[in-house]
């Protein structure tokens, strides 16, 4: 019974998830990616963040209540800036 409830909850959360592709200005190394990932994962409602410093990008999966501004503010605290490329 518990597994079914968890599975249904996961399906519901994925159905309402948003996918964001962000350009992160100024990343140069793996330490940069770790700082940006920590900042994004610290935003309540961010489910996953994949960061790539080589192409200065982030793929972020969030619930529907997250806004671009919330992620930008969090990333700005690390010294970088985030610009939305695509939102689904």
N, C-alpha and C. Protein backbone atom coordinates (compact mmCIF):
# COMPACT_ATOMS: atom_id res chain seq x y z
N UNK A 1 0.83 -1.20 0.00
CA UNK A 1 0.00 0.00 0.00
C UNK A 1 0.86 1.25 0.00
N UNK A 2 1.91 1.29 0.83
CA UNK A 2 2.78 2.46 0.89
C UNK A 2 3.50 2.73 -0.41
N UNK A 3 3.94 1.68 -1.08
CA UNK A 3 4.65 1.85 -2.36
C UNK A 3 3.74 2.44 -3.42
N UNK A 4 2.49 2.04 -3.42
CA UNK A 4 1.54 2.57 -4.40
C UNK A 4 1.35 4.07 -4.17
N UNK A 5 1.20 4.47 -2.92
CA UNK A 5 1.00 5.89 -2.58
C UNK A 5 2.21 6.71 -2.99
N UNK A 6 3.39 6.19 -2.72
CA UNK A 6 4.62 6.90 -3.09
C UNK A 6 4.73 7.02 -4.61
N UNK A 7 4.41 5.94 -5.32
CA UNK A 7 4.46 5.96 -6.78
C UNK A 7 3.49 6.98 -7.35
N UNK A 8 2.28 7.01 -6.81
CA UNK A 8 1.30 7.98 -7.28
C UNK A 8 1.74 9.41 -6.99
N UNK A 9 2.31 9.63 -5.83
CA UNK A 9 2.80 10.96 -5.47
C UNK A 9 3.91 11.40 -6.42
N UNK A 10 4.80 10.49 -6.76
CA UNK A 10 5.88 10.78 -7.70
C UNK A 10 5.31 11.13 -9.07
N UNK A 11 4.34 10.37 -9.54
CA UNK A 11 3.73 10.64 -10.85
C UNK A 11 3.05 12.00 -10.87
N UNK A 12 2.36 12.34 -9.79
CA UNK A 12 1.69 13.64 -9.71
C UNK A 12 2.71 14.76 -9.72
N UNK A 13 3.81 14.61 -8.97
CA UNK A 13 4.82 15.67 -8.93
C UNK A 13 5.50 15.83 -10.29
N UNK A 14 5.74 14.73 -10.99
CA UNK A 14 6.35 14.83 -12.32
C UNK A 14 5.40 15.46 -13.33
N UNK A 15 4.10 15.23 -13.17
CA UNK A 15 3.12 15.79 -14.09
C UNK A 15 3.09 17.31 -14.00
N UNK A 16 3.41 17.85 -12.84
CA UNK A 16 3.37 19.29 -12.65
C UNK A 16 4.77 19.91 -12.62
N UNK A 17 5.77 19.15 -13.01
CA UNK A 17 7.14 19.65 -12.99
C UNK A 17 7.40 20.58 -14.17
N UNK A 18 8.30 21.51 -13.96
CA UNK A 18 8.75 22.41 -15.02
C UNK A 18 10.21 22.10 -15.31
N UNK A 19 10.59 22.24 -16.53
CA UNK A 19 11.99 22.07 -16.93
C UNK A 19 12.51 23.42 -17.41
N UNK A 20 13.61 23.85 -16.82
CA UNK A 20 14.22 25.13 -17.16
C UNK A 20 15.61 24.88 -17.70
N UNK A 21 15.98 25.56 -18.75
CA UNK A 21 17.36 25.57 -19.22
C UNK A 21 17.87 26.98 -19.00
N UNK A 22 18.93 27.07 -18.19
CA UNK A 22 19.48 28.37 -17.83
C UNK A 22 20.89 28.52 -18.37
N UNK A 23 21.23 29.72 -18.77
CA UNK A 23 22.61 30.07 -19.09
C UNK A 23 23.18 30.71 -17.83
N UNK A 24 24.29 30.16 -17.33
CA UNK A 24 24.92 30.68 -16.12
C UNK A 24 26.20 31.40 -16.54
N UNK A 25 26.23 32.70 -16.39
CA UNK A 25 27.40 33.49 -16.79
C UNK A 25 28.52 33.37 -15.78
N UNK A 26 29.74 33.13 -16.28
CA UNK A 26 30.92 33.22 -15.44
C UNK A 26 31.47 31.93 -14.86
N UNK A 27 30.87 30.78 -15.15
CA UNK A 27 31.40 29.53 -14.60
C UNK A 27 32.65 29.11 -15.37
N UNK A 28 33.68 28.69 -14.63
CA UNK A 28 34.94 28.32 -15.27
C UNK A 28 35.47 26.95 -14.86
N UNK A 29 34.89 26.36 -13.79
CA UNK A 29 35.47 25.12 -13.27
C UNK A 29 34.41 24.30 -12.54
N UNK A 30 34.84 23.15 -12.07
CA UNK A 30 33.92 22.27 -11.35
C UNK A 30 33.47 22.89 -10.04
N UNK A 31 34.35 23.64 -9.38
CA UNK A 31 33.95 24.31 -8.14
C UNK A 31 32.79 25.28 -8.41
N UNK A 32 32.82 25.92 -9.56
CA UNK A 32 31.72 26.82 -9.95
C UNK A 32 30.41 26.04 -10.04
N UNK A 33 30.47 24.87 -10.70
CA UNK A 33 29.26 24.08 -10.86
C UNK A 33 28.70 23.63 -9.51
N UNK A 34 29.59 23.27 -8.60
CA UNK A 34 29.14 22.84 -7.28
C UNK A 34 28.45 23.97 -6.52
N UNK A 35 28.99 25.18 -6.63
CA UNK A 35 28.39 26.33 -5.96
C UNK A 35 27.01 26.64 -6.54
N UNK A 36 26.90 26.61 -7.86
CA UNK A 36 25.62 26.89 -8.52
C UNK A 36 24.61 25.80 -8.19
N UNK A 37 25.04 24.54 -8.25
CA UNK A 37 24.12 23.44 -7.94
C UNK A 37 23.62 23.54 -6.50
N UNK A 38 24.51 23.82 -5.57
CA UNK A 38 24.11 23.95 -4.16
C UNK A 38 23.10 25.09 -4.00
N UNK A 39 23.33 26.19 -4.69
CA UNK A 39 22.41 27.32 -4.61
C UNK A 39 21.03 26.95 -5.16
N UNK A 40 21.01 26.31 -6.32
CA UNK A 40 19.73 25.95 -6.93
C UNK A 40 18.99 24.90 -6.11
N UNK A 41 19.71 23.90 -5.61
CA UNK A 41 19.07 22.85 -4.82
C UNK A 41 18.58 23.38 -3.47
N UNK A 42 19.08 24.53 -3.07
CA UNK A 42 18.63 25.15 -1.84
C UNK A 42 17.29 25.87 -1.98
N UNK A 43 16.82 26.02 -3.21
CA UNK A 43 15.52 26.66 -3.44
C UNK A 43 14.44 25.59 -3.24
N UNK A 44 13.55 25.82 -2.29
CA UNK A 44 12.48 24.87 -2.02
C UNK A 44 11.61 24.70 -3.27
N UNK A 45 11.49 23.47 -3.73
CA UNK A 45 10.71 23.20 -4.94
C UNK A 45 11.57 22.79 -6.12
N UNK A 46 12.89 22.98 -6.00
CA UNK A 46 13.80 22.50 -7.05
C UNK A 46 14.01 21.02 -6.80
N UNK A 47 13.71 20.20 -7.80
CA UNK A 47 13.81 18.75 -7.66
C UNK A 47 15.15 18.21 -8.15
N UNK A 48 15.72 18.85 -9.17
CA UNK A 48 16.97 18.38 -9.74
C UNK A 48 17.66 19.53 -10.44
N UNK A 49 18.99 19.55 -10.40
CA UNK A 49 19.77 20.57 -11.10
C UNK A 49 21.02 19.90 -11.67
N UNK A 50 21.15 19.97 -12.98
CA UNK A 50 22.34 19.44 -13.66
C UNK A 50 23.08 20.64 -14.24
N UNK A 51 24.33 20.80 -13.81
CA UNK A 51 25.12 21.98 -14.18
C UNK A 51 26.28 21.55 -15.07
N UNK A 52 26.56 22.34 -16.11
CA UNK A 52 27.68 22.06 -17.01
C UNK A 52 28.48 23.35 -17.18
N UNK A 53 29.71 23.36 -16.62
CA UNK A 53 30.49 24.60 -16.69
C UNK A 53 31.06 24.84 -18.09
N UNK A 54 31.29 23.79 -18.86
CA UNK A 54 31.88 23.97 -20.19
C UNK A 54 30.98 24.79 -21.11
N UNK A 55 29.69 24.53 -21.07
CA UNK A 55 28.78 25.34 -21.89
C UNK A 55 27.97 26.32 -21.05
N UNK A 56 28.39 26.52 -19.80
CA UNK A 56 27.77 27.48 -18.89
C UNK A 56 26.25 27.33 -18.84
N UNK A 57 25.80 26.09 -18.59
CA UNK A 57 24.36 25.85 -18.59
C UNK A 57 23.92 25.09 -17.36
N UNK A 58 22.64 25.19 -17.11
CA UNK A 58 22.00 24.43 -16.03
C UNK A 58 20.66 23.93 -16.54
N UNK A 59 20.37 22.67 -16.29
CA UNK A 59 19.06 22.09 -16.56
C UNK A 59 18.43 21.86 -15.20
N UNK A 60 17.31 22.52 -14.95
CA UNK A 60 16.71 22.50 -13.62
C UNK A 60 15.27 22.00 -13.73
N UNK A 61 14.93 21.03 -12.90
CA UNK A 61 13.57 20.51 -12.82
C UNK A 61 12.97 21.02 -11.51
N UNK A 62 11.82 21.67 -11.62
CA UNK A 62 11.18 22.28 -10.45
C UNK A 62 9.70 21.91 -10.41
N UNK A 63 9.08 22.20 -9.27
CA UNK A 63 7.63 22.10 -9.24
C UNK A 63 7.06 23.39 -9.84
N UNK A 64 5.76 23.45 -9.98
CA UNK A 64 5.15 24.56 -10.72
C UNK A 64 5.21 25.91 -10.00
N UNK A 65 5.50 25.92 -8.71
CA UNK A 65 5.50 27.20 -7.98
C UNK A 65 6.81 27.98 -8.13
N UNK A 66 7.84 27.36 -8.64
CA UNK A 66 9.15 28.02 -8.77
C UNK A 66 9.12 29.01 -9.93
N UNK A 67 9.71 30.17 -9.69
CA UNK A 67 9.81 31.19 -10.74
C UNK A 67 11.27 31.37 -11.14
N UNK A 68 11.46 31.94 -12.30
CA UNK A 68 12.80 32.25 -12.76
C UNK A 68 13.50 33.17 -11.77
N UNK A 69 12.80 34.14 -11.26
CA UNK A 69 13.38 35.10 -10.32
C UNK A 69 13.92 34.41 -9.07
N UNK A 70 13.22 33.40 -8.57
CA UNK A 70 13.68 32.68 -7.39
C UNK A 70 15.03 32.02 -7.66
N UNK A 71 15.17 31.41 -8.84
CA UNK A 71 16.42 30.76 -9.18
C UNK A 71 17.52 31.78 -9.45
N UNK A 72 17.18 32.87 -10.12
CA UNK A 72 18.16 33.92 -10.40
C UNK A 72 18.70 34.52 -9.12
N UNK A 73 17.83 34.77 -8.16
CA UNK A 73 18.27 35.34 -6.88
C UNK A 73 19.21 34.39 -6.14
N UNK A 74 18.89 33.12 -6.18
CA UNK A 74 19.73 32.13 -5.51
C UNK A 74 21.11 32.04 -6.18
N UNK A 75 21.13 31.99 -7.50
CA UNK A 75 22.39 31.92 -8.24
C UNK A 75 23.20 33.20 -8.03
N UNK A 76 22.54 34.33 -7.98
CA UNK A 76 23.23 35.62 -7.80
C UNK A 76 24.01 35.66 -6.48
N UNK A 77 23.52 34.96 -5.48
CA UNK A 77 24.21 34.92 -4.18
C UNK A 77 25.55 34.21 -4.27
N UNK A 78 25.77 33.42 -5.33
CA UNK A 78 27.05 32.73 -5.52
C UNK A 78 28.00 33.56 -6.38
N UNK A 79 27.52 34.69 -6.91
CA UNK A 79 28.36 35.55 -7.73
C UNK A 79 28.19 35.35 -9.23
N UNK A 80 27.22 34.54 -9.62
CA UNK A 80 26.96 34.29 -11.04
C UNK A 80 25.58 34.85 -11.39
N UNK A 81 25.27 34.87 -12.67
CA UNK A 81 23.94 35.29 -13.10
C UNK A 81 23.33 34.21 -13.96
N UNK A 82 22.01 34.09 -13.89
CA UNK A 82 21.28 33.07 -14.64
C UNK A 82 20.28 33.74 -15.57
N UNK A 83 20.26 33.25 -16.80
CA UNK A 83 19.31 33.74 -17.81
C UNK A 83 18.57 32.54 -18.37
N UNK A 84 17.25 32.62 -18.44
CA UNK A 84 16.45 31.52 -18.97
C UNK A 84 16.66 31.40 -20.47
N UNK A 85 16.86 30.17 -20.93
CA UNK A 85 16.95 29.91 -22.37
C UNK A 85 15.67 29.31 -22.88
N UNK A 86 15.13 28.31 -22.18
CA UNK A 86 13.93 27.62 -22.59
C UNK A 86 13.14 27.25 -21.35
N UNK A 87 11.84 27.39 -21.43
CA UNK A 87 10.97 26.95 -20.33
C UNK A 87 9.89 26.08 -20.92
N UNK A 88 9.67 24.91 -20.32
CA UNK A 88 8.60 24.00 -20.77
C UNK A 88 7.53 23.94 -19.73
